[in-house]
Protein backbone atom coordinates (compact mmCIF):
# COMPACT_ATOMS: atom_id res chain seq x y z
CA MET A 1 48.55 203.56 115.02
CA ARG A 2 51.50 201.92 114.77
CA ARG A 3 54.10 203.24 112.50
CA HIS A 4 56.82 200.91 111.05
CA ARG A 5 59.49 203.38 111.23
CA ARG A 6 61.33 205.24 113.85
CA ALA A 7 61.41 208.84 112.81
CA LYS A 8 58.03 210.82 112.52
CA ILE A 9 56.41 213.22 109.87
CA VAL A 10 55.25 216.51 110.67
CA ALA A 11 53.25 218.40 108.25
CA THR A 12 51.98 222.01 107.91
CA VAL A 13 48.28 222.58 107.35
CA GLY A 14 46.90 224.94 105.00
CA PRO A 15 44.39 225.62 102.20
CA ALA A 16 45.24 222.19 100.65
CA SER A 17 44.97 220.03 103.74
CA SER A 18 42.78 221.53 106.37
CA SER A 19 39.29 219.54 105.78
CA PRO A 20 38.61 216.79 107.94
CA GLU A 21 38.46 214.21 105.49
CA MET A 22 42.02 215.65 103.93
CA LEU A 23 43.40 215.58 107.84
CA LYS A 24 42.33 211.90 108.00
CA LYS A 25 43.95 210.92 104.73
CA LEU A 26 47.38 212.43 105.91
CA PHE A 27 47.42 211.08 109.25
CA LEU A 28 46.83 207.17 107.42
CA ALA A 29 49.39 208.26 105.11
CA GLY A 30 51.74 208.74 107.87
CA VAL A 31 51.35 211.99 109.63
CA ASP A 32 52.52 211.92 113.25
CA THR A 33 52.15 215.77 114.21
CA PHE A 34 50.45 218.61 112.64
CA ARG A 35 51.90 221.85 112.30
CA LEU A 36 49.62 225.09 112.43
CA ASN A 37 51.50 227.95 110.68
CA PHE A 38 50.20 231.01 112.61
CA SER A 39 52.01 233.34 109.82
CA HIS A 40 49.16 232.57 107.91
CA GLY A 41 45.13 231.83 108.78
CA SER A 42 43.20 233.43 111.48
CA HIS A 43 42.12 232.09 114.75
CA GLU A 44 38.84 230.97 113.55
CA ASP A 45 40.85 229.01 111.05
CA HIS A 46 43.39 227.19 113.21
CA ALA A 47 40.42 226.28 115.79
CA LYS A 48 38.49 224.06 112.98
CA VAL A 49 41.61 222.59 112.14
CA HIS A 50 42.56 221.85 115.83
CA GLN A 51 38.84 220.39 116.48
CA ALA A 52 39.01 218.10 113.38
CA ILE A 53 42.33 216.72 114.75
CA ARG A 54 40.87 216.25 118.18
CA ALA A 55 38.11 214.49 116.41
CA LEU A 56 40.06 212.36 114.29
CA GLU A 57 42.26 211.40 117.50
CA ALA A 58 38.90 210.03 119.23
CA GLU A 59 37.90 208.46 116.04
CA LEU A 60 41.12 206.39 115.86
CA GLU A 61 42.04 206.01 119.44
CA SER A 62 45.37 207.20 118.77
CA PRO A 63 47.19 210.53 120.12
CA ILE A 64 48.06 212.87 117.44
CA GLY A 65 49.91 215.83 118.24
CA VAL A 66 49.57 219.21 117.41
CA LEU A 67 52.79 221.87 116.93
CA GLN A 68 51.82 225.68 116.77
CA ASP A 69 54.24 227.48 114.96
CA LEU A 70 54.62 231.34 115.97
CA GLN A 71 55.35 233.93 113.46
CA GLY A 72 58.04 235.87 115.24
CA PRO A 73 59.37 239.59 114.24
CA LYS A 74 59.58 240.21 110.75
CA ILE A 75 61.92 242.78 109.67
CA ARG A 76 61.34 244.25 106.13
CA VAL A 77 62.21 247.24 104.11
CA GLY A 78 58.84 249.75 103.69
CA THR A 79 57.63 251.43 100.54
CA ILE A 80 59.73 251.97 97.58
CA ARG A 81 58.59 254.88 94.76
CA ASN A 82 57.34 253.05 91.63
CA GLY A 83 57.14 249.69 94.15
CA LYS A 84 61.07 248.88 93.17
CA ILE A 85 64.32 249.94 92.62
CA SER A 86 67.26 248.37 91.09
CA VAL A 87 70.74 248.36 92.48
CA SER A 88 74.16 247.09 91.13
CA ALA A 89 77.06 245.95 92.68
CA GLY A 90 79.50 248.55 94.03
CA GLU A 91 76.48 251.03 94.32
CA SER A 92 76.29 253.02 97.62
CA ILE A 93 72.83 253.08 98.96
CA ARG A 94 71.16 254.55 102.30
CA PHE A 95 68.66 253.19 104.32
CA VAL A 96 66.63 255.79 106.57
CA PRO A 97 64.31 254.91 109.70
CA GLU A 98 61.51 257.00 108.65
CA GLY A 99 59.87 258.02 105.38
CA ALA A 100 57.57 256.85 102.51
CA ASP A 101 58.43 255.95 98.86
CA GLY A 102 62.01 255.76 99.21
CA ASP A 103 64.82 255.65 96.48
CA ALA A 104 68.34 254.32 96.62
CA GLN A 105 69.49 257.08 98.96
CA SER A 106 66.18 256.63 101.40
CA ILE A 107 65.20 253.10 101.48
CA PRO A 108 62.69 253.01 104.65
CA LEU A 109 63.71 250.64 107.27
CA ARG A 110 61.77 251.40 110.08
CA HIS A 111 63.52 249.14 112.71
CA PRO A 112 65.35 251.57 115.38
CA GLU A 113 66.71 248.34 117.11
CA ILE A 114 68.57 247.59 113.71
CA PHE A 115 70.43 251.33 113.83
CA ALA A 116 71.30 250.66 117.59
CA ALA A 117 72.83 247.61 117.12
CA VAL A 118 74.26 247.44 112.98
CA LEU A 119 77.81 248.18 112.76
CA PRO A 120 80.28 248.74 110.09
CA GLY A 121 80.84 245.72 108.13
CA HIS A 122 77.72 244.07 109.07
CA ASP A 123 75.66 242.86 105.92
CA LEU A 124 72.30 243.16 105.23
CA LEU A 125 70.47 240.34 102.91
CA ILE A 126 67.29 241.37 101.44
CA ASP A 127 64.91 239.35 99.42
CA ASP A 128 66.14 235.87 101.19
CA GLY A 129 69.61 237.15 100.16
CA ARG A 130 69.00 237.88 96.63
CA VAL A 131 70.65 241.29 97.21
CA ARG A 132 73.29 241.73 99.73
CA VAL A 133 74.52 245.05 101.13
CA ARG A 134 77.69 245.99 103.33
CA VAL A 135 77.40 248.51 105.97
CA THR A 136 79.97 251.22 105.67
CA ARG A 137 78.85 254.02 107.83
CA VAL A 138 75.92 253.81 110.84
CA GLY A 139 74.53 257.22 111.93
CA ARG A 140 71.47 258.34 114.31
CA ASP A 141 69.33 258.81 111.19
CA ALA A 142 71.18 256.54 108.31
CA ILE A 143 72.68 253.45 107.78
CA ASP A 144 75.03 253.99 104.63
CA ALA A 145 75.88 250.72 102.64
CA GLU A 146 77.78 249.34 99.56
CA VAL A 147 76.16 246.66 97.03
CA ILE A 148 77.69 243.43 97.06
CA TYR A 149 75.18 241.88 95.17
CA GLY A 150 72.78 243.72 93.06
CA GLY A 151 69.60 243.21 92.27
CA ILE A 152 65.89 243.96 92.65
CA ILE A 153 64.46 245.59 95.96
CA SER A 154 60.76 245.75 96.07
CA ASN A 155 58.02 246.59 98.82
CA ARG A 156 57.83 245.28 101.97
CA LYS A 157 60.62 242.44 101.10
CA GLY A 158 62.05 240.95 104.02
CA VAL A 159 65.67 241.58 105.55
CA ASN A 160 68.15 239.33 107.56
CA LEU A 161 70.97 240.38 109.66
CA PRO A 162 73.29 237.76 109.98
CA ASP A 163 76.13 239.28 111.83
CA THR A 164 73.81 241.48 114.10
CA MET A 165 72.78 240.44 117.53
CA LEU A 166 69.39 242.48 117.76
CA ALA A 167 67.66 243.78 121.01
CA LEU A 168 64.64 241.91 119.71
CA SER A 169 62.03 239.70 121.64
CA PRO A 170 60.88 236.93 119.48
CA LEU A 171 57.45 237.41 120.94
CA THR A 172 55.75 239.98 119.05
CA PRO A 173 52.37 241.36 120.31
CA LYS A 174 51.06 239.23 117.50
CA ASP A 175 52.59 236.08 118.89
CA ARG A 176 51.42 236.99 122.33
CA ALA A 177 47.71 237.02 121.32
CA ASP A 178 48.23 233.83 119.11
CA LEU A 179 50.15 231.90 122.02
CA ALA A 180 47.17 232.48 124.31
CA PHE A 181 45.14 231.55 121.87
CA GLY A 182 47.04 228.60 120.97
CA LEU A 183 47.43 227.28 124.55
CA GLU A 184 43.80 227.72 125.14
CA LEU A 185 43.03 225.47 122.00
CA GLY A 186 45.39 222.72 123.63
CA VAL A 187 48.27 222.48 121.31
CA ASP A 188 51.35 220.15 122.60
CA TRP A 189 54.01 221.96 121.04
CA VAL A 190 54.72 225.69 120.57
CA ALA A 191 57.46 226.64 118.12
CA LEU A 192 59.53 230.00 118.69
CA SER A 193 60.80 231.69 115.70
CA PHE A 194 64.13 233.64 115.55
CA VAL A 195 65.58 232.62 118.89
CA GLN A 196 69.03 234.27 119.38
CA LYS A 197 69.65 233.50 123.25
CA PRO A 198 68.79 231.33 125.89
CA SER A 199 66.69 234.04 127.44
CA ASP A 200 64.49 234.31 124.70
CA VAL A 201 63.17 230.38 125.48
CA ILE A 202 63.12 231.23 129.23
CA ASP A 203 60.88 234.54 128.32
CA ALA A 204 58.42 232.38 126.42
CA LYS A 205 58.79 229.34 128.51
CA ALA A 206 57.40 231.69 131.55
CA LEU A 207 54.53 232.45 129.25
CA ILE A 208 53.56 228.60 128.51
CA GLY A 209 54.43 226.74 131.77
CA ASP A 210 53.63 223.16 131.28
CA ARG A 211 50.62 223.33 128.67
CA ALA A 212 53.01 222.56 125.90
CA GLY A 213 56.44 221.33 125.04
CA LEU A 214 58.71 224.56 123.50
CA ILE A 215 60.72 223.86 120.16
CA ALA A 216 63.29 226.51 119.87
CA LYS A 217 63.89 227.31 115.92
CA ILE A 218 67.62 227.32 115.16
CA GLU A 219 67.40 230.27 112.20
CA LYS A 220 69.78 232.58 113.52
CA PRO A 221 73.65 232.31 113.83
CA GLN A 222 73.48 233.65 116.73
CA ALA A 223 71.32 231.00 118.15
CA LEU A 224 74.25 228.48 117.00
CA ASP A 225 76.35 230.20 119.25
CA HIS A 226 74.58 229.53 121.91
CA ILE A 227 72.93 226.42 121.21
CA ASP A 228 73.93 224.21 124.03
CA ASP A 229 72.62 227.01 126.39
CA ILE A 230 69.20 227.16 124.28
CA LEU A 231 69.22 223.13 124.21
CA ARG A 232 69.47 223.26 128.29
CA VAL A 233 66.13 225.41 128.47
CA ALA A 234 64.26 224.42 125.31
CA ASP A 235 62.02 221.17 125.08
CA ALA A 236 63.33 220.86 121.45
CA ILE A 237 64.50 222.22 118.59
CA MET A 238 64.08 222.70 115.00
CA VAL A 239 66.90 223.20 112.25
CA ALA A 240 64.65 225.64 110.12
CA ARG A 241 66.96 225.63 107.20
CA GLY A 242 65.16 228.27 105.52
CA ASP A 243 66.24 231.52 107.29
CA LEU A 244 69.08 229.85 108.56
CA GLY A 245 70.27 228.86 104.94
CA VAL A 246 69.86 232.69 104.29
CA GLU A 247 71.88 234.07 107.37
CA ILE A 248 74.87 231.20 106.81
CA PRO A 249 76.74 230.33 103.79
CA HIS A 250 74.60 227.48 102.33
CA GLN A 251 77.81 225.05 102.02
CA ASP A 252 77.65 225.63 105.64
CA VAL A 253 74.21 224.36 106.07
CA PRO A 254 74.67 220.44 105.79
CA GLY A 255 77.49 220.12 108.62
CA ARG A 256 75.48 222.46 111.02
CA GLN A 257 72.79 220.34 110.69
CA LYS A 258 74.73 217.40 111.87
CA GLU A 259 76.00 218.92 114.37
CA LEU A 260 72.50 220.45 115.68
CA VAL A 261 70.95 216.76 115.43
CA ARG A 262 74.00 215.17 117.23
CA ALA A 263 73.84 218.23 120.27
CA ALA A 264 69.94 217.85 120.61
CA ARG A 265 70.57 214.03 120.81
CA LEU A 266 73.23 214.34 123.51
CA ALA A 267 70.84 217.00 125.21
CA VAL A 268 68.19 214.15 125.23
CA LYS A 269 65.80 216.56 123.38
CA PRO A 270 63.60 215.84 119.82
CA VAL A 271 65.00 217.53 116.88
CA ILE A 272 63.09 218.41 113.78
CA VAL A 273 65.01 219.14 110.48
CA ALA A 274 62.43 221.38 108.25
CA THR A 275 62.36 223.23 105.10
CA GLN A 276 62.01 222.34 101.37
CA MET A 277 62.58 218.79 102.03
CA LEU A 278 60.47 217.61 99.20
CA ASP A 279 59.92 221.24 97.69
CA SER A 280 59.60 220.12 93.60
CA MET A 281 56.33 218.00 95.12
CA VAL A 282 54.52 220.96 95.65
CA ALA A 283 53.51 220.79 92.19
CA SER A 284 55.09 217.38 91.11
CA PRO A 285 53.76 213.93 91.85
CA ALA A 286 57.28 212.88 92.29
CA PRO A 287 60.52 214.36 94.28
CA THR A 288 64.05 215.13 92.75
CA ARG A 289 66.78 212.25 93.44
CA ALA A 290 68.46 215.07 95.48
CA GLU A 291 65.15 215.64 97.72
CA ALA A 292 64.88 211.94 98.58
CA SER A 293 68.47 212.19 99.14
CA ASP A 294 67.79 215.12 101.65
CA VAL A 295 65.39 213.45 103.38
CA ALA A 296 67.44 210.20 103.86
CA THR A 297 70.41 212.22 105.11
CA ALA A 298 68.46 213.70 107.89
CA ILE A 299 67.38 210.14 108.86
CA TYR A 300 71.11 208.88 108.73
CA ASP A 301 71.80 212.02 111.09
CA GLY A 302 69.44 210.44 113.65
CA ALA A 303 66.71 213.47 113.67
CA ASP A 304 63.57 212.66 115.54
CA ALA A 305 61.05 214.32 112.70
CA VAL A 306 61.35 215.84 109.64
CA MET A 307 59.13 218.36 108.44
CA LEU A 308 57.22 219.07 105.27
CA SER A 309 55.70 222.84 104.97
CA ALA A 310 54.07 223.83 101.58
CA GLU A 311 54.19 220.48 100.23
CA SER A 312 51.39 219.55 102.60
CA ALA A 313 49.75 222.92 103.15
CA THR A 314 49.39 224.55 99.84
CA GLY A 315 50.71 221.69 97.32
CA ASP A 316 48.77 219.84 94.89
CA TYR A 317 50.03 216.50 96.12
CA PRO A 318 49.91 216.44 100.02
CA VAL A 319 48.75 212.83 100.65
CA GLU A 320 51.59 211.63 97.80
CA THR A 321 54.02 213.92 99.62
CA VAL A 322 53.51 212.11 102.76
CA ARG A 323 53.73 208.61 101.61
CA MET A 324 56.65 209.42 99.62
CA MET A 325 58.15 210.75 102.95
CA ASP A 326 57.30 207.86 104.50
CA SER A 327 58.36 205.71 101.98
CA ILE A 328 61.91 207.16 101.99
CA ILE A 329 62.57 207.28 105.75
CA ARG A 330 61.42 203.50 106.00
CA SER A 331 63.47 202.55 103.23
CA THR A 332 66.64 204.33 104.77
CA GLU A 333 66.10 202.75 108.12
CA GLY A 334 65.84 199.28 106.49
CA HIS A 335 69.22 200.00 105.02
CA LYS A 336 71.88 197.76 105.88
CA LEU A 337 74.25 200.66 107.03
CA TYR A 338 71.66 202.48 108.81
CA HIS A 339 72.40 201.31 112.36
CA SER A 340 75.87 201.53 111.99
CA ILE A 341 75.97 204.96 111.11
CA VAL A 342 73.38 206.06 113.60
CA HIS A 343 75.12 204.13 116.11
CA ALA A 344 78.47 205.65 115.31
CA THR A 345 77.31 209.11 116.56
CA GLN A 346 75.91 207.80 119.93
CA PRO A 347 76.40 210.35 122.54
CA VAL A 348 78.64 208.74 125.75
CA THR A 349 76.03 207.66 128.30
CA GLU A 350 75.93 210.00 131.37
CA GLN A 351 76.91 208.65 134.74
CA THR A 352 73.37 209.09 136.45
CA PRO A 353 71.17 206.17 137.21
CA PRO A 354 68.50 207.20 134.89
CA HIS A 355 70.75 207.60 131.77
CA ALA A 356 72.44 204.11 132.84
CA VAL A 357 69.06 202.63 133.52
CA ALA A 358 68.06 203.49 129.62
CA ALA A 359 70.98 202.68 127.95
CA ALA A 360 71.11 199.49 129.61
CA ALA A 361 67.45 198.68 129.03
CA ALA A 362 67.99 199.22 125.40
CA ASP A 363 71.33 197.16 125.21
CA LEU A 364 69.39 194.32 127.11
CA ALA A 365 66.28 194.35 124.74
CA GLU A 366 68.60 193.85 121.94
CA ALA A 367 70.92 191.20 123.49
CA ILE A 368 67.53 189.23 124.16
CA ASP A 369 65.98 189.93 120.65
CA ALA A 370 62.95 191.62 122.67
CA PRO A 371 60.24 192.90 120.20
CA VAL A 372 59.78 195.77 122.08
CA ILE A 373 60.78 198.31 125.14
CA VAL A 374 57.78 199.36 127.17
CA ALA A 375 58.61 202.53 129.23
CA PHE A 376 56.07 203.90 131.71
CA THR A 377 56.59 207.68 132.11
CA SER A 378 54.87 210.69 133.55
CA SER A 379 57.00 213.30 131.86
CA GLY A 380 58.07 211.43 128.40
CA THR A 381 61.82 211.67 129.96
CA THR A 382 62.14 208.05 130.61
CA ALA A 383 61.13 207.22 126.72
CA ALA A 384 63.32 210.37 125.61
CA ARG A 385 66.46 208.88 127.72
CA ILE A 386 65.70 205.10 125.94
CA ALA A 387 65.43 206.68 122.52
CA ARG A 388 68.47 208.38 122.54
CA LYS A 389 70.26 205.12 122.22
CA ARG A 390 68.30 204.59 119.04
CA PRO A 391 67.55 200.76 119.45
CA VAL A 392 66.79 198.77 116.67
CA LEU A 393 63.34 197.76 118.44
CA PRO A 394 60.30 200.21 119.36
CA ILE A 395 59.67 202.20 122.07
CA LEU A 396 56.06 201.59 123.71
CA ALA A 397 55.79 204.42 126.18
CA ILE A 398 52.78 204.17 128.62
CA THR A 399 51.78 207.42 130.02
CA PRO A 400 48.56 208.57 132.29
CA ASN A 401 48.72 212.10 130.73
CA ILE A 402 47.16 212.64 127.11
CA SER A 403 49.26 215.53 126.69
CA ILE A 404 52.52 213.80 127.12
CA SER A 405 51.34 211.00 124.90
CA ARG A 406 50.60 213.36 122.04
CA ARG A 407 54.15 215.12 122.59
CA LEU A 408 55.59 211.82 122.02
CA ARG A 409 54.39 211.61 118.31
CA LEU A 410 57.54 213.92 117.78
CA LEU A 411 60.36 211.53 119.58
CA TRP A 412 62.24 208.96 117.56
CA GLY A 413 61.07 205.35 117.62
CA VAL A 414 58.44 206.20 120.32
CA GLN A 415 54.92 204.97 120.49
CA GLY A 416 52.91 207.01 122.62
CA PHE A 417 50.21 205.19 124.62
CA HIS A 418 47.79 206.95 126.61
CA SER A 419 46.38 204.48 129.69
CA LYS A 420 45.30 204.59 133.46
CA ALA A 421 47.74 205.20 135.92
CA ALA A 422 49.64 202.40 137.77
CA HIS A 423 49.80 202.04 141.39
CA GLY A 424 52.10 199.30 141.86
CA TYR A 425 54.93 196.63 140.97
CA ASP A 426 52.69 194.10 139.85
CA GLU A 427 50.05 196.32 138.36
CA MET A 428 52.58 197.92 136.46
CA ILE A 429 54.17 194.77 134.90
CA ALA A 430 50.63 193.03 134.07
CA HIS A 431 49.80 196.64 132.27
CA ALA A 432 52.98 196.34 130.38
CA VAL A 433 52.47 192.86 129.28
CA GLU A 434 48.76 193.33 128.25
CA THR A 435 49.25 196.52 126.44
CA ALA A 436 52.31 195.24 124.30
CA ARG A 437 50.10 192.12 123.26
CA GLU A 438 47.15 194.53 122.64
CA GLU A 439 49.09 197.01 120.65
CA LYS A 440 50.80 193.91 118.90
CA PHE A 441 53.80 195.01 119.75
CA ALA A 442 54.28 191.40 121.24
CA GLU A 443 53.25 188.00 121.54
CA ARG A 444 52.70 185.18 123.89
CA GLY A 445 56.21 183.66 124.55
CA ASN A 446 58.31 186.76 123.73
CA PHE A 447 60.28 188.46 125.99
CA ILE A 448 60.13 192.27 126.65
CA VAL A 449 62.04 194.67 128.80
CA VAL A 450 59.82 196.71 131.04
CA VAL A 451 61.51 200.08 132.44
CA PHE A 452 59.98 202.39 135.14
CA GLY A 453 60.78 204.62 138.03
CA ILE A 454 59.87 204.15 141.95
CA PRO A 455 58.16 205.93 143.31
CA PHE A 456 55.71 205.54 140.68
CA GLY A 457 54.65 208.76 139.10
CA LYS A 458 57.52 210.76 139.88
CA THR A 459 59.27 212.76 137.19
CA GLY A 460 63.24 211.63 136.83
CA THR A 461 62.90 208.50 138.78
CA THR A 462 64.18 205.93 135.94
CA ASN A 463 65.85 203.37 138.13
CA ASN A 464 64.25 199.98 137.57
CA LEU A 465 64.13 197.46 134.82
CA ARG A 466 62.62 194.19 134.30
CA VAL A 467 62.49 191.20 131.95
CA VAL A 468 58.90 189.77 131.61
CA GLN A 469 57.86 186.98 129.52
CA VAL A 470 54.45 187.53 127.68
CA GLY A 471 52.00 185.32 128.67
CA GLY A 472 54.15 183.94 131.60
CA ALA A 473 56.23 180.57 131.50
């Protein structure tokens, strides 16, 4: 299913979108990758959705990506007497490691790693930052704090600690069980929540191996401090603006988004921009103008993909939301300033043969007005290197690995195509021409640019490009 846009759409599956009929409607409306949110739903629920997606893939003969999003550790206060307490700015309150039915002087916080790591001056944000307190004293059995922004603290509300590096693995026992289940299903991407440092990613990749790509969700200030190292070990990143927008000032989020998109592009790794992109469409058939502008901004930034959460999972208008996002992307990419803006942030080409060949292929294809670049790839890297240039024409990536063709559904400008392996130079060229014609990327007489590596099938050997006329002279 060819998309007439470059940026991709990720849609979360939930009660509003889990039926086979709705999944098909969403895919035809423009979804490239479906997200399974393991913070909700049972293994049985996710297995049924995965089976329906793979059946749809077979029916339409088009690869479809599946992203498993792990819940990660959730830090919450315990139970409060009468269910809630009201605190005011300037008031002194106390957190304790044990206890039940707490009050303002004994709020249960059953996370010993917080007591071990938090320091005076650090902030605790409760209920998505609606209540902010600042630590004044830390003891073995209590954390004293002053209320900065008052409000209601109720049972089991979440706690964010933007200033504190916690000795906390992003993989909880639940996540490990969910991950094993997801890998057995055959998910294509795994999103790791609350990454703080590169070792978090390394630990998860040790469990995943090459069975799926790993996406590091950037939602902690500590991850921002280590982003270059995280990008070296992750396969992709997600700008998870929900928790990130709680832990850093709201006004800093847009700039950080641009930094992260640029850093991912420089590292030749896909980047997803997520959270509340068309949030009003959960209950409305049309977005606000600000939301449409927000999606367009991510596209102008050069993001590989934009993501829908509640809009497609629980909203009243899942299909309409996908169509709207597709329309905004196509309109933005068709704007006369789009390519100049995206090219203005283009990273300098790395001085290696694979990067130089990929960059030259993009420039050559544009210079001869080719309708498509055909890239043979075994790992997806060749296609990613070409996509890094953000060429004006589509990239048709041919791979013998069905898993790679599905992962490429997340990559900017790339249309993944699963095919048998080519075993010789002439066979590869003939296959490129045949596929470009069959998939309606090129017509007889067109010149196309073909990129590949020799030895054939060996990862990281992008070293050849050729201009071929479709149908011969």
